[in-house]
Protein backbone atom coordinates (compact mmCIF):
# COMPACT_ATOMS: atom_id res chain seq x y z
CA MET A 1 109.71 102.63 79.88
CA LEU A 2 110.99 104.93 82.60
CA LYS A 3 112.15 103.57 85.96
CA LYS A 4 109.54 105.69 87.76
CA ASP A 5 106.82 104.06 85.62
CA CYS A 6 108.09 100.59 86.55
CA GLU A 7 108.14 101.56 90.23
CA SER A 8 104.64 103.02 89.97
CA ILE A 9 103.34 99.78 88.43
CA SER A 10 104.81 97.61 91.20
CA ASP A 11 103.75 100.05 93.95
CA THR A 12 100.16 100.12 92.67
CA ILE A 13 99.73 96.39 91.99
CA ILE A 14 101.09 95.22 95.37
CA THR A 15 98.22 97.10 97.06
CA ILE A 16 95.49 95.28 95.10
CA SER A 17 95.38 92.21 97.33
CA PRO A 18 96.99 90.96 100.54
CA TYR A 19 97.50 87.62 98.74
CA ILE A 20 100.04 89.05 96.27
CA ARG A 21 103.47 87.89 97.40
CA PHE A 22 105.66 89.65 94.83
CA VAL A 23 105.34 92.02 91.88
CA GLY A 24 108.24 92.45 89.49
CA VAL A 25 108.60 94.48 86.31
CA ILE A 26 110.94 92.52 84.04
CA GLY A 27 112.77 93.92 81.04
CA GLU A 28 113.13 92.16 77.72
CA SER A 29 116.54 90.74 78.72
CA GLY A 30 115.25 89.39 82.02
CA GLU A 31 116.51 92.27 84.17
CA LEU A 32 114.41 93.29 87.16
CA LEU A 33 113.42 96.92 86.57
CA ALA A 34 111.36 97.38 89.75
CA TYR A 35 109.70 95.19 92.35
CA LYS A 36 107.71 95.03 95.57
CA ARG A 37 107.59 92.06 97.93
CA ARG A 38 105.11 91.45 100.72
CA SER A 39 107.15 92.29 103.79
CA ASP A 40 106.17 89.30 105.94
CA LEU A 41 107.44 86.63 103.51
CA ILE A 42 110.61 84.70 102.92
CA PRO A 43 111.21 84.34 99.15
CA LEU A 44 110.72 80.85 97.68
CA LEU A 45 113.58 81.38 95.20
CA ASP A 46 117.12 82.38 96.06
CA GLU A 47 118.78 85.20 94.12
CA LYS A 48 120.30 82.91 91.46
CA ASN A 49 117.05 81.04 90.78
CA THR A 50 115.11 84.30 90.76
CA GLN A 51 117.36 85.54 87.95
CA PHE A 52 116.84 82.25 86.08
CA GLN A 53 113.07 82.69 86.45
CA PHE A 54 113.20 86.21 85.03
CA SER A 55 115.45 85.10 82.15
CA HIS A 56 112.97 82.31 81.43
CA ILE A 57 110.11 84.86 81.31
CA ALA A 58 112.13 87.02 78.89
CA MET A 59 112.82 84.02 76.62
CA LYS A 60 109.14 82.97 76.64
CA THR A 61 108.19 86.55 75.80
CA ASP A 62 110.58 86.60 72.87
CA LEU A 63 109.46 83.19 71.55
CA GLY A 64 105.78 84.01 72.06
CA GLY A 65 106.18 86.96 69.71
CA PHE A 66 106.27 84.55 66.77
CA PHE A 67 102.57 83.83 67.26
CA ASP A 68 101.41 87.41 67.83
CA LYS A 69 100.49 87.98 64.19
CA SER A 70 98.30 84.87 64.06
CA LEU A 71 96.90 84.73 67.58
CA GLY A 72 97.22 88.30 68.80
CA GLU A 73 99.51 89.63 71.50
CA ILE A 74 99.51 88.04 74.95
CA GLU A 75 97.51 90.05 77.47
CA PHE A 76 98.28 87.86 80.48
CA SER A 77 99.09 84.31 81.49
CA TRP A 78 98.19 82.49 84.70
CA GLU A 79 100.07 79.49 86.05
CA GLU A 80 99.17 77.33 88.99
CA ARG A 81 102.14 75.67 90.65
CA LYS A 82 102.32 73.42 93.71
CA LYS A 83 103.43 76.28 96.03
CA ILE A 84 102.21 79.48 94.35
CA GLN A 85 100.22 80.90 91.48
CA THR A 86 101.80 83.31 89.02
CA ILE A 87 100.36 85.81 86.61
CA SER A 88 102.29 87.74 84.00
CA PHE A 89 101.04 90.71 82.00
CA ALA A 90 102.53 92.11 78.82
CA ILE A 91 103.48 95.74 78.28
CA LYS A 92 105.10 95.59 74.85
CA LYS A 93 108.41 93.71 75.46
CA ILE A 94 108.22 94.15 79.24
CA ARG A 95 106.47 91.74 81.61
CA VAL A 96 104.81 92.42 84.94
CA TRP A 97 105.10 89.20 86.95
CA LEU A 98 103.12 88.47 90.13
CA SER A 99 103.27 85.60 92.54
CA ILE A 100 100.19 84.91 94.62
CA ASP A 101 99.56 82.65 97.61
CA LYS A 102 98.59 79.15 96.50
CA LYS A 103 95.47 78.73 98.62
CA VAL A 104 93.59 81.71 97.24
CA ILE A 105 90.16 81.10 95.77
CA ARG A 106 89.96 81.56 92.03
CA SER A 107 87.52 84.44 92.25
CA GLU A 108 90.20 86.44 94.14
CA VAL A 109 92.79 85.64 91.46
CA LEU A 110 90.31 86.78 88.80
CA ARG A 111 89.71 89.98 90.81
CA ILE A 112 93.48 90.56 90.90
CA ILE A 113 93.70 90.03 87.13
CA ASP A 114 90.74 92.36 86.50
CA SER A 115 92.34 95.01 88.73
CA CYS A 116 95.72 94.73 87.00
CA LEU A 117 94.48 94.92 83.41
CA PRO A 118 93.65 98.68 83.43
CA ILE A 119 97.03 99.45 85.02
CA VAL A 120 98.86 97.45 82.37
CA LYS A 121 96.72 98.92 79.57
CA LYS A 122 97.58 102.45 80.71
CA TYR A 123 101.28 101.79 80.13
CA SER A 124 100.74 99.69 77.00
CA ASP A 125 98.97 102.60 75.30
CA ALA A 126 101.57 105.16 76.39
């Protein structure tokens, strides 16, 4: 995937909702290919822990591939944590990872997911 595509994905997704804190496009080795962060926020993770998080996503992506044949490929996953919610979308071996404010009603998170799916599908089919 081209860098401009990764930047376009993050630029587009960050505008979907004011509750999105961060959008990152993560390569299969855990490298951050492009990102956008809501400008009024202080990150919850420092640089070192951010890299660990992205490496963890890459490892989960790789391990999850073992079940693709039986269960189908992952379209997205949604995690609720104590401080934030996260959603990750699959584009082949690349992941688009979002963090969202914790106190957002579920219907808004579902709206974010529904708005992201066509964007992700566009690049998955390319």
